[in-house]
């Protein structure tokens, strides 16, 4: 009886909180629609969009938070139960409950036989070209969708504006592909409570949104170079979350990257844009870097604490990302507008699907490359990809970069490769010392 009452309370909390947030969202949306023309012309319109997105995410996050507080306060899980609500709450807030999609029976595969040099070279080429083709195509389509106008047979032109929809499409395809992989290839038992993934899922979709939105204010080469500078916020997040200590050379490379990024930003700023537009682009890029750094740091902590596999991580994170972005698009009535745009400009559908396929395929290549050659080789491949992405964007979209901008690019990528080299050397020295101590 007590569990039955608890189930009813959980359902009431869910309905009340969703109704409250949805009502507040409708009121704010009506106020925003009143000043729609001002919103379209303002360089700070992204702030209003961000607030609406966060309010929509709260429709999912607030009920979860309230239910979590209720479950802990009343010891709902300890009282036991066999209903579907109890099993769902247990899976979300405690962890492994019963065998399912993420934690099916697992049989370890025997280790691969030793590969020859030729096999290693061919496999490395396969991974390299797979990553380059996937992510260079993805970057090209990303810039095209967010910066170029679409034209139909009637000669009408328009530009797609909804960054949230692009995040949604990418995540739903990645979720489908990872879920299919889990059905085919059994994984170790999944132990982490599902709510732990919400934090990195939220930061992941917000960082992606900032990335797409920033293209309205800064050039694609600027954005790519900012990604190459991600080491700085990663170090900050490592200090805050994991209390990580860093070597002196890591601080040196961080400073060099900052200098190179500053040279490039000062040189390549579009002088046709005003200070407000430039500030918006820099703020959005900063938001992207911080949120993306938090995502990777939090995921690393989950890997260490619960031993989840990369595909399990990909599946659960993208599942929550689909839920959050779909709720945002639904509450802001974006689906009818996007459907109208698709009907009017069919080429957008093709670009959107291709971009999503490249994004999801690229994620699978990431996991495969790391499993076969390790993280150092993967980082080198992705750094080369970022340099090629800048070159490709300049050739296709005619971005102008002068000598100082080129020097900034060289300093940034040189610093990244310097850090990779120093990391590798330090690991080798530590291995030799450990071997020497073992012999002694």
Protein backbone atom coordinates (compact mmCIF):
# COMPACT_ATOMS: atom_id res chain seq x y z
CA UNK A 1 0.00 0.00 0.00
CA UNK A 2 2.81 2.40 0.90
CA UNK A 3 4.49 1.78 -2.47
CA UNK A 4 1.20 2.38 -4.23
CA UNK A 5 0.90 5.76 -2.48
CA UNK A 6 4.50 6.55 -3.41
CA UNK A 7 3.79 5.80 -7.08
CA UNK A 8 0.81 8.17 -7.00
CA UNK A 9 2.90 10.93 -5.38
CA UNK A 10 5.59 10.52 -8.06
CA UNK A 11 2.97 10.82 -10.84
CA UNK A 12 1.48 13.93 -9.20
CA UNK A 13 4.91 15.55 -8.86
CA UNK A 14 5.59 14.80 -12.52
CA UNK A 15 2.30 16.26 -13.76
CA UNK A 16 2.37 19.38 -11.56
CA UNK A 17 5.97 20.32 -12.36
CA UNK A 18 5.52 19.76 -16.11
CA UNK A 19 2.30 21.82 -16.10
CA UNK A 20 3.97 24.65 -14.15
CA UNK A 21 7.01 24.87 -16.44
CA UNK A 22 4.93 24.49 -19.60
CA UNK A 23 2.59 27.30 -18.50
CA UNK A 24 5.50 29.62 -17.68
CA UNK A 25 7.06 28.79 -21.05
CA UNK A 26 3.86 29.69 -22.90
CA UNK A 27 3.64 33.06 -21.13
CA UNK A 28 7.27 33.93 -21.92
CA UNK A 29 6.87 32.75 -25.51
CA UNK A 30 3.86 35.04 -26.02
CA UNK A 31 5.87 37.99 -24.68
CA UNK A 32 8.76 37.14 -27.01
CA UNK A 33 6.42 36.85 -30.01
CA UNK A 34 5.19 40.38 -29.26
CA UNK A 35 8.71 41.72 -29.88
CA UNK A 36 9.51 39.30 -32.68
CA UNK A 37 10.88 41.94 -35.07
CA UNK A 38 13.25 43.27 -32.41
CA UNK A 39 14.37 39.71 -31.69
CA UNK A 40 15.28 39.09 -35.33
CA UNK A 41 17.33 42.26 -35.71
CA UNK A 42 19.16 42.20 -32.36
CA UNK A 43 22.68 40.76 -32.21
CA UNK A 44 21.85 39.57 -28.70
CA UNK A 45 18.77 37.60 -29.80
CA UNK A 46 20.65 34.40 -28.95
CA UNK A 47 20.23 35.25 -25.26
CA UNK A 48 16.43 35.08 -25.57
CA UNK A 49 16.71 31.79 -27.47
CA UNK A 50 19.04 30.38 -24.83
CA UNK A 51 16.64 31.32 -22.03
CA UNK A 52 13.73 29.66 -23.85
CA UNK A 53 15.83 26.53 -24.39
CA UNK A 54 16.79 26.36 -20.72
CA UNK A 55 13.17 26.79 -19.67
CA UNK A 56 12.18 23.94 -21.99
CA UNK A 57 14.92 21.71 -20.56
CA UNK A 58 13.51 22.47 -17.09
CA UNK A 59 10.31 20.69 -18.16
CA UNK A 60 12.35 17.47 -17.98
CA UNK A 61 14.90 18.40 -15.32
CA UNK A 62 12.59 19.86 -12.65
CA UNK A 63 10.33 16.76 -12.36
CA UNK A 64 13.45 14.59 -12.20
CA UNK A 65 14.93 16.74 -9.43
CA UNK A 66 11.69 16.73 -7.39
CA UNK A 67 11.25 12.97 -7.75
CA UNK A 68 14.88 12.42 -6.73
CA UNK A 69 14.37 14.53 -3.58
CA UNK A 70 11.14 12.68 -2.74
CA UNK A 71 12.71 9.26 -3.30
CA UNK A 72 15.66 10.05 -1.03
CA UNK A 73 13.55 11.68 1.69
CA UNK A 74 10.93 8.91 1.92
CA UNK A 75 13.29 5.95 1.26
CA UNK A 76 10.94 4.91 -1.53
CA UNK A 77 13.43 2.51 -3.13
CA UNK A 78 14.36 0.74 0.13
CA UNK A 79 10.70 -0.20 0.69
CA UNK A 80 10.88 -2.44 -2.37
CA UNK A 81 8.29 -2.98 -5.07
CA UNK A 82 7.64 -4.73 -8.35
CA UNK A 83 5.78 -2.11 -10.38
CA UNK A 84 7.15 -0.50 -13.52
CA UNK A 85 7.41 2.89 -11.77
CA UNK A 86 9.56 1.40 -9.01
CA UNK A 87 11.84 -0.35 -11.51
CA UNK A 88 12.19 2.84 -13.55
CA UNK A 89 12.99 4.94 -10.46
CA UNK A 90 15.53 2.32 -9.33
CA UNK A 91 17.23 2.31 -12.74
CA UNK A 92 17.35 6.13 -12.86
CA UNK A 93 18.55 6.88 -9.33
CA UNK A 94 20.35 3.75 -8.09
CA UNK A 95 21.67 1.89 -11.09
CA UNK A 96 21.51 -1.65 -12.38
CA UNK A 97 18.13 -3.28 -11.83
CA UNK A 98 17.47 -5.98 -14.41
CA UNK A 99 19.03 -7.13 -17.66
CA UNK A 100 18.17 -4.77 -20.50
CA UNK A 101 19.49 -3.02 -23.56
CA UNK A 102 22.47 -1.43 -21.84
CA UNK A 103 23.45 -4.23 -19.47
CA UNK A 104 22.94 -7.47 -21.32
CA UNK A 105 24.92 -10.62 -20.68
CA UNK A 106 28.49 -10.18 -21.75
CA UNK A 107 31.05 -12.63 -23.00
CA UNK A 108 34.56 -11.25 -23.32
CA UNK A 109 36.02 -11.65 -26.78
CA UNK A 110 39.45 -13.24 -27.10
CA UNK A 111 42.28 -10.79 -27.75
CA UNK A 112 43.14 -10.08 -31.36
CA UNK A 113 46.13 -11.88 -32.82
CA UNK A 114 49.24 -9.76 -33.32
CA UNK A 115 48.85 -7.55 -36.39
CA UNK A 116 51.62 -7.22 -38.95
CA UNK A 117 53.09 -3.84 -39.91
CA UNK A 118 51.14 -3.88 -43.21
CA UNK A 119 47.89 -4.67 -41.42
CA UNK A 120 48.57 -1.90 -38.91
CA UNK A 121 49.31 0.58 -41.71
CA UNK A 122 46.15 -0.33 -43.64
CA UNK A 123 44.00 -0.15 -40.50
CA UNK A 124 45.53 3.21 -39.58
CA UNK A 125 44.79 4.55 -43.07
CA UNK A 126 41.21 3.27 -42.81
CA UNK A 127 40.69 5.05 -39.47
CA UNK A 128 42.42 8.21 -40.68
CA UNK A 129 40.39 8.56 -43.87
CA UNK A 130 37.18 7.53 -42.13
CA UNK A 131 37.61 10.28 -39.53
CA UNK A 132 38.70 12.89 -42.08
CA UNK A 133 35.86 12.21 -44.54
CA UNK A 134 33.22 12.05 -41.79
CA UNK A 135 34.19 15.21 -39.93
CA UNK A 136 35.35 17.34 -42.87
CA UNK A 137 32.03 16.68 -44.61
CA UNK A 138 30.21 17.36 -41.35
CA UNK A 139 32.04 20.68 -40.92
CA UNK A 140 31.37 21.73 -44.51
CA UNK A 141 27.63 20.98 -44.17
CA UNK A 142 27.49 22.64 -40.76
CA UNK A 143 28.87 25.89 -42.17
CA UNK A 144 26.64 25.65 -45.25
CA UNK A 145 23.42 25.15 -43.27
CA UNK A 146 24.10 27.94 -40.76
CA UNK A 147 25.69 30.58 -43.02
CA UNK A 148 24.40 30.08 -46.58
CA UNK A 149 20.99 30.86 -48.05
CA UNK A 150 18.83 28.13 -49.58
CA UNK A 151 17.08 28.79 -52.88
CA UNK A 152 14.12 26.89 -54.36
CA UNK A 153 12.90 26.55 -57.95
CA UNK A 154 10.76 29.68 -57.60
CA UNK A 155 13.84 31.77 -56.79
CA UNK A 156 12.91 32.34 -53.13
CA UNK A 157 15.85 32.52 -50.72
CA UNK A 158 16.02 32.01 -46.98
CA UNK A 159 18.50 31.01 -44.28
CA UNK A 160 17.89 28.31 -41.67
CA UNK A 161 18.01 29.75 -38.14
CA UNK A 162 17.09 27.01 -35.64
CA UNK A 163 20.31 25.59 -34.15
CA UNK A 164 18.33 23.43 -31.73
CA UNK A 165 16.87 21.32 -34.54
CA UNK A 166 20.32 20.49 -35.90
CA UNK A 167 21.36 19.29 -32.43
CA UNK A 168 18.18 17.17 -32.24
CA UNK A 169 18.71 15.52 -35.64
CA UNK A 170 22.36 14.70 -34.89
CA UNK A 171 21.50 13.18 -31.51
CA UNK A 172 18.54 11.07 -32.62
CA UNK A 173 20.60 9.41 -35.35
CA UNK A 174 23.55 8.83 -32.99
CA UNK A 175 21.14 7.32 -30.42
CA UNK A 176 19.65 5.00 -33.06
CA UNK A 177 23.07 3.84 -34.30
CA UNK A 178 24.48 3.23 -30.81
CA UNK A 179 21.29 1.45 -29.71
CA UNK A 180 21.46 -0.81 -32.77
CA UNK A 181 25.11 -1.56 -32.00
CA UNK A 182 24.21 -2.53 -28.43
CA UNK A 183 21.56 -4.93 -29.73
CA UNK A 184 24.08 -6.60 -32.04
CA UNK A 185 27.18 -6.51 -29.82
CA UNK A 186 26.58 -7.43 -26.17
CA UNK A 187 28.23 -5.23 -23.55
CA UNK A 188 29.39 -5.58 -19.92
CA UNK A 189 26.73 -5.04 -17.27
CA UNK A 190 25.73 -1.40 -17.04
CA UNK A 191 25.86 -0.19 -13.43
CA UNK A 192 25.65 3.63 -13.39
CA UNK A 193 22.38 5.32 -12.38
CA UNK A 194 20.91 6.95 -15.46
CA UNK A 195 20.55 10.39 -13.89
CA UNK A 196 24.35 10.69 -13.79
CA UNK A 197 24.32 11.02 -17.59
CA UNK A 198 21.92 13.98 -17.56
CA UNK A 199 24.67 16.41 -16.55
CA UNK A 200 26.95 15.64 -19.50
CA UNK A 201 23.94 15.31 -21.83
CA UNK A 202 22.78 18.82 -20.93
CA UNK A 203 26.27 20.30 -21.31
CA UNK A 204 26.68 18.39 -24.59
CA UNK A 205 23.55 19.77 -26.26
CA UNK A 206 24.20 23.27 -24.93
CA UNK A 207 27.78 23.22 -26.23
CA UNK A 208 26.53 22.02 -29.64
CA UNK A 209 23.90 24.77 -29.65
CA UNK A 210 26.56 27.39 -28.86
CA UNK A 211 28.72 25.94 -31.65
CA UNK A 212 25.96 26.25 -34.28
CA UNK A 213 24.79 29.63 -33.01
CA UNK A 214 28.34 31.04 -33.02
CA UNK A 215 28.54 30.54 -36.80
CA UNK A 216 26.06 33.41 -37.15
CA UNK A 217 28.65 35.76 -35.62
CA UNK A 218 32.15 34.37 -36.35
CA UNK A 219 33.76 32.59 -39.28
CA UNK A 220 34.11 28.81 -39.39
CA UNK A 221 37.97 28.96 -39.29
CA UNK A 222 37.72 30.99 -36.07
CA UNK A 223 35.44 28.36 -34.57
CA UNK A 224 37.72 25.48 -35.60
CA UNK A 225 40.77 27.20 -34.13
CA UNK A 226 38.83 27.77 -30.90
CA UNK A 227 38.21 24.00 -30.77
CA UNK A 228 41.95 23.40 -31.12
CA UNK A 229 42.39 25.66 -28.07
CA UNK A 230 40.12 23.45 -25.96
CA UNK A 231 43.06 22.34 -23.82
CA UNK A 232 42.76 25.52 -21.72
CA UNK A 233 39.15 25.03 -20.49
CA UNK A 234 39.83 21.28 -20.17
CA UNK A 235 42.66 22.09 -17.73
CA UNK A 236 40.37 24.47 -15.84
CA UNK A 237 37.62 21.83 -15.59
CA UNK A 238 40.17 19.21 -14.57
CA UNK A 239 41.31 21.44 -11.72
CA UNK A 240 37.74 22.16 -10.57
CA UNK A 241 36.13 18.70 -10.97
CA UNK A 242 38.96 16.16 -10.63
CA UNK A 243 41.61 18.22 -8.74
CA UNK A 244 44.07 17.31 -11.51
CA UNK A 245 47.68 18.52 -11.34
CA UNK A 246 49.47 19.51 -14.54
CA UNK A 247 53.08 19.54 -15.71
CA UNK A 248 54.93 22.79 -16.46
CA UNK A 249 54.96 22.15 -20.22
CA UNK A 250 51.15 21.96 -20.19
CA UNK A 251 50.95 25.50 -18.82
CA UNK A 252 53.50 26.64 -21.44
CA UNK A 253 51.48 25.13 -24.31
CA UNK A 254 48.29 26.67 -22.88
CA UNK A 255 49.92 30.12 -22.95
CA UNK A 256 51.21 29.57 -26.52
CA UNK A 257 47.74 28.48 -27.66
CA UNK A 258 46.24 31.63 -26.09
CA UNK A 259 48.79 33.80 -27.94
CA UNK A 260 48.12 32.07 -31.27
CA UNK A 261 44.35 32.30 -30.81
CA UNK A 262 44.62 36.01 -29.96
CA UNK A 263 46.68 36.68 -33.11
CA UNK A 264 44.16 34.86 -35.27
CA UNK A 265 41.10 36.50 -33.66
CA UNK A 266 42.54 40.03 -33.94
CA UNK A 267 43.50 39.46 -37.56
CA UNK A 268 40.48 37.56 -38.88
CA UNK A 269 37.67 39.51 -37.24
CA UNK A 270 35.20 40.54 -39.91
CA UNK A 271 35.45 44.32 -39.98
CA UNK A 272 31.93 44.58 -41.38
CA UNK A 273 30.60 43.27 -38.06
CA UNK A 274 30.14 45.65 -35.16
CA UNK A 275 31.50 45.15 -31.66
CA UNK A 276 28.22 43.69 -30.43
CA UNK A 277 28.28 40.94 -33.08
CA UNK A 278 31.93 40.13 -32.38
CA UNK A 279 31.23 40.00 -28.63
CA UNK A 280 28.30 37.63 -29.19
CA UNK A 281 30.49 35.29 -31.23
CA UNK A 282 33.28 35.27 -28.63
CA UNK A 283 30.81 34.66 -25.76
CA UNK A 284 29.20 31.76 -27.62
CA UNK A 285 32.59 30.24 -28.46
CA UNK A 286 33.62 30.58 -24.81
CA UNK A 287 30.38 28.89 -23.75
CA UNK A 288 31.02 26.08 -26.23
CA UNK A 289 34.57 25.49 -24.95
CA UNK A 290 33.58 25.47 -21.26
CA UNK A 291 30.54 23.24 -21.74
CA UNK A 292 32.36 20.83 -24.05
CA UNK A 293 35.25 20.59 -21.59
CA UNK A 294 32.82 19.80 -18.77
CA UNK A 295 31.21 17.10 -20.95
CA UNK A 296 34.47 15.24 -21.59
CA UNK A 297 35.63 15.61 -17.97
CA UNK A 298 32.33 14.32 -16.55
CA UNK A 299 32.26 11.40 -19.01
CA UNK A 300 35.82 10.45 -18.04
CA UNK A 301 34.76 10.42 -14.38
CA UNK A 302 31.83 8.09 -15.23
CA UNK A 303 34.14 5.77 -17.15
CA UNK A 304 36.46 5.52 -14.14
CA UNK A 305 33.74 5.20 -11.47
CA UNK A 306 31.30 2.83 -13.17
CA UNK A 307 33.26 1.21 -16.01
CA UNK A 308 30.68 2.03 -18.68
CA UNK A 309 31.69 1.31 -22.27
CA UNK A 310 31.95 4.05 -24.89
CA UNK A 311 28.89 2.81 -26.79
CA UNK A 312 26.80 2.63 -23.61
CA UNK A 313 27.85 6.21 -22.87
CA UNK A 314 26.99 7.28 -26.41
CA UNK A 315 23.56 5.63 -26.23
CA UNK A 316 22.42 7.02 -22.85
CA UNK A 317 23.81 10.53 -23.37
CA UNK A 318 22.15 10.79 -26.78
CA UNK A 319 18.89 9.38 -25.38
CA UNK A 320 18.66 12.21 -22.85
CA UNK A 321 19.82 14.71 -25.48
CA UNK A 322 16.96 13.63 -27.78
CA UNK A 323 14.46 14.00 -24.92
CA UNK A 324 15.67 17.48 -23.93
CA UNK A 325 15.95 18.91 -27.46
CA UNK A 326 12.62 17.39 -28.58
CA UNK A 327 10.90 18.99 -25.56
CA UNK A 328 12.50 22.33 -26.42
CA UNK A 329 11.40 22.18 -30.06
CA UNK A 330 7.88 21.11 -29.05
CA UNK A 331 7.41 23.86 -26.45
CA UNK A 332 8.67 26.56 -28.79
CA UNK A 333 6.38 25.29 -31.60
CA UNK A 334 9.43 24.87 -33.84
CA UNK A 335 8.40 21.67 -35.61
CA UNK A 336 5.72 23.27 -37.87
CA UNK A 337 8.12 26.08 -38.87
CA UNK A 338 10.92 23.62 -39.64
CA UNK A 339 8.55 21.36 -41.61
CA UNK A 340 7.47 24.37 -43.68
CA UNK A 341 11.14 25.22 -44.36
CA UNK A 342 11.82 21.63 -45.44
CA UNK A 343 8.89 21.63 -47.86
CA UNK A 344 9.95 24.96 -49.28
CA UNK A 345 13.66 24.07 -49.58
CA UNK A 346 14.05 20.28 -50.13
CA UNK A 347 17.83 20.62 -50.43
CA UNK A 348 17.93 21.37 -46.69
CA UNK A 349 16.61 17.86 -45.93
CA UNK A 350 19.47 16.27 -47.87
CA UNK A 351 22.11 18.45 -46.17
CA UNK A 352 20.60 17.80 -42.74
CA UNK A 353 20.52 14.02 -43.19
CA UNK A 354 24.07 13.93 -44.57
CA UNK A 355 25.35 16.03 -41.68
CA UNK A 356 23.65 13.74 -39.14
CA UNK A 357 25.03 10.60 -40.80
CA UNK A 358 28.55 12.08 -40.83
CA UNK A 359 28.27 13.09 -37.16
CA UNK A 360 27.04 9.66 -36.00
CA UNK A 361 29.53 7.78 -38.21
CA UNK A 362 32.34 10.01 -36.94
CA UNK A 363 31.49 9.09 -33.33
CA UNK A 364 31.78 5.38 -34.17
CA UNK A 365 35.13 6.02 -35.89
CA UNK A 366 36.31 7.83 -32.75
CA UNK A 367 35.57 4.82 -30.53
CA UNK A 368 37.12 2.38 -33.03
CA UNK A 369 40.30 4.43 -33.51
CA UNK A 370 40.86 4.84 -29.77
CA UNK A 371 40.31 1.11 -29.17
CA UNK A 372 42.82 0.12 -31.90
CA UNK A 373 45.55 2.80 -31.63
CA UNK A 374 44.96 4.68 -28.36
CA UNK A 375 44.11 8.30 -27.55
CA UNK A 376 47.43 9.86 -28.68
CA UNK A 377 47.05 8.69 -32.29
CA UNK A 378 43.42 9.80 -32.25
CA UNK A 379 44.29 13.31 -31.00
CA UNK A 380 46.91 13.69 -33.76
CA UNK A 381 44.35 12.63 -36.40
CA UNK A 382 41.73 15.08 -35.10
CA UNK A 383 44.29 17.91 -34.91
CA UNK A 384 45.17 17.30 -38.57
CA UNK A 385 41.45 17.29 -39.31
CA UNK A 386 41.02 20.73 -37.73
CA UNK A 387 43.83 22.15 -39.87
CA UNK A 388 42.29 20.63 -43.01
CA UNK A 389 38.86 21.98 -42.01
CA UNK A 390 40.24 25.55 -41.88
CA UNK A 391 41.91 25.10 -45.28
CA UNK A 392 38.77 23.59 -46.84
CA UNK A 393 36.54 26.34 -45.46
CA UNK A 394 38.87 29.07 -46.76
CA UNK A 395 38.94 27.49 -50.22
CA UNK A 396 35.17 26.91 -50.51
CA UNK A 397 33.78 29.98 -48.71
CA UNK A 398 36.67 32.41 -49.49
CA UNK A 399 37.58 33.38 -45.92
CA UNK A 400 40.45 35.87 -45.94
CA UNK A 401 43.38 35.21 -43.58
CA UNK A 402 46.50 37.42 -43.64
CA UNK A 403 50.05 36.65 -42.52
CA UNK A 404 49.33 37.31 -38.81
CA UNK A 405 46.32 35.00 -38.95
CA UNK A 406 48.42 32.25 -40.52
CA UNK A 407 51.07 32.73 -37.82
CA UNK A 408 48.33 32.36 -35.19
CA UNK A 409 47.13 29.09 -36.79
CA UNK A 410 50.71 27.73 -36.88
CA UNK A 411 51.33 28.68 -33.22
CA UNK A 412 48.10 26.98 -32.07
CA UNK A 413 48.61 23.72 -33.97
CA UNK A 414 52.34 23.70 -33.20
CA UNK A 415 51.49 24.00 -29.49
CA UNK A 416 48.99 21.13 -29.73
CA UNK A 417 51.58 18.86 -31.36
CA UNK A 418 54.17 19.99 -28.79
CA UNK A 419 51.87 18.91 -25.99
CA UNK A 420 51.24 15.52 -27.64
CA UNK A 421 55.00 14.99 -27.99
CA UNK A 422 55.71 15.99 -24.37
CA UNK A 423 52.90 13.76 -23.08
CA UNK A 424 54.29 10.81 -25.00
CA UNK A 425 57.86 11.44 -23.80
CA UNK A 426 56.72 11.76 -20.18
CA UNK A 427 54.83 8.45 -20.36
CA UNK A 428 57.89 6.73 -21.84
CA UNK A 429 60.15 8.10 -19.05
CA UNK A 430 57.72 6.95 -16.35
CA UNK A 431 57.48 3.47 -17.90
CA UNK A 432 61.29 3.15 -17.95
CA UNK A 433 61.55 4.27 -14.31
CA UNK A 434 58.84 1.79 -13.29
CA UNK A 435 60.65 -1.02 -15.15
CA UNK A 436 63.97 -0.08 -13.53
CA UNK A 437 62.38 -0.08 -10.04
CA UNK A 438 60.86 -3.50 -10.73
CA UNK A 439 64.25 -4.94 -11.71
CA UNK A 440 65.90 -3.50 -8.59
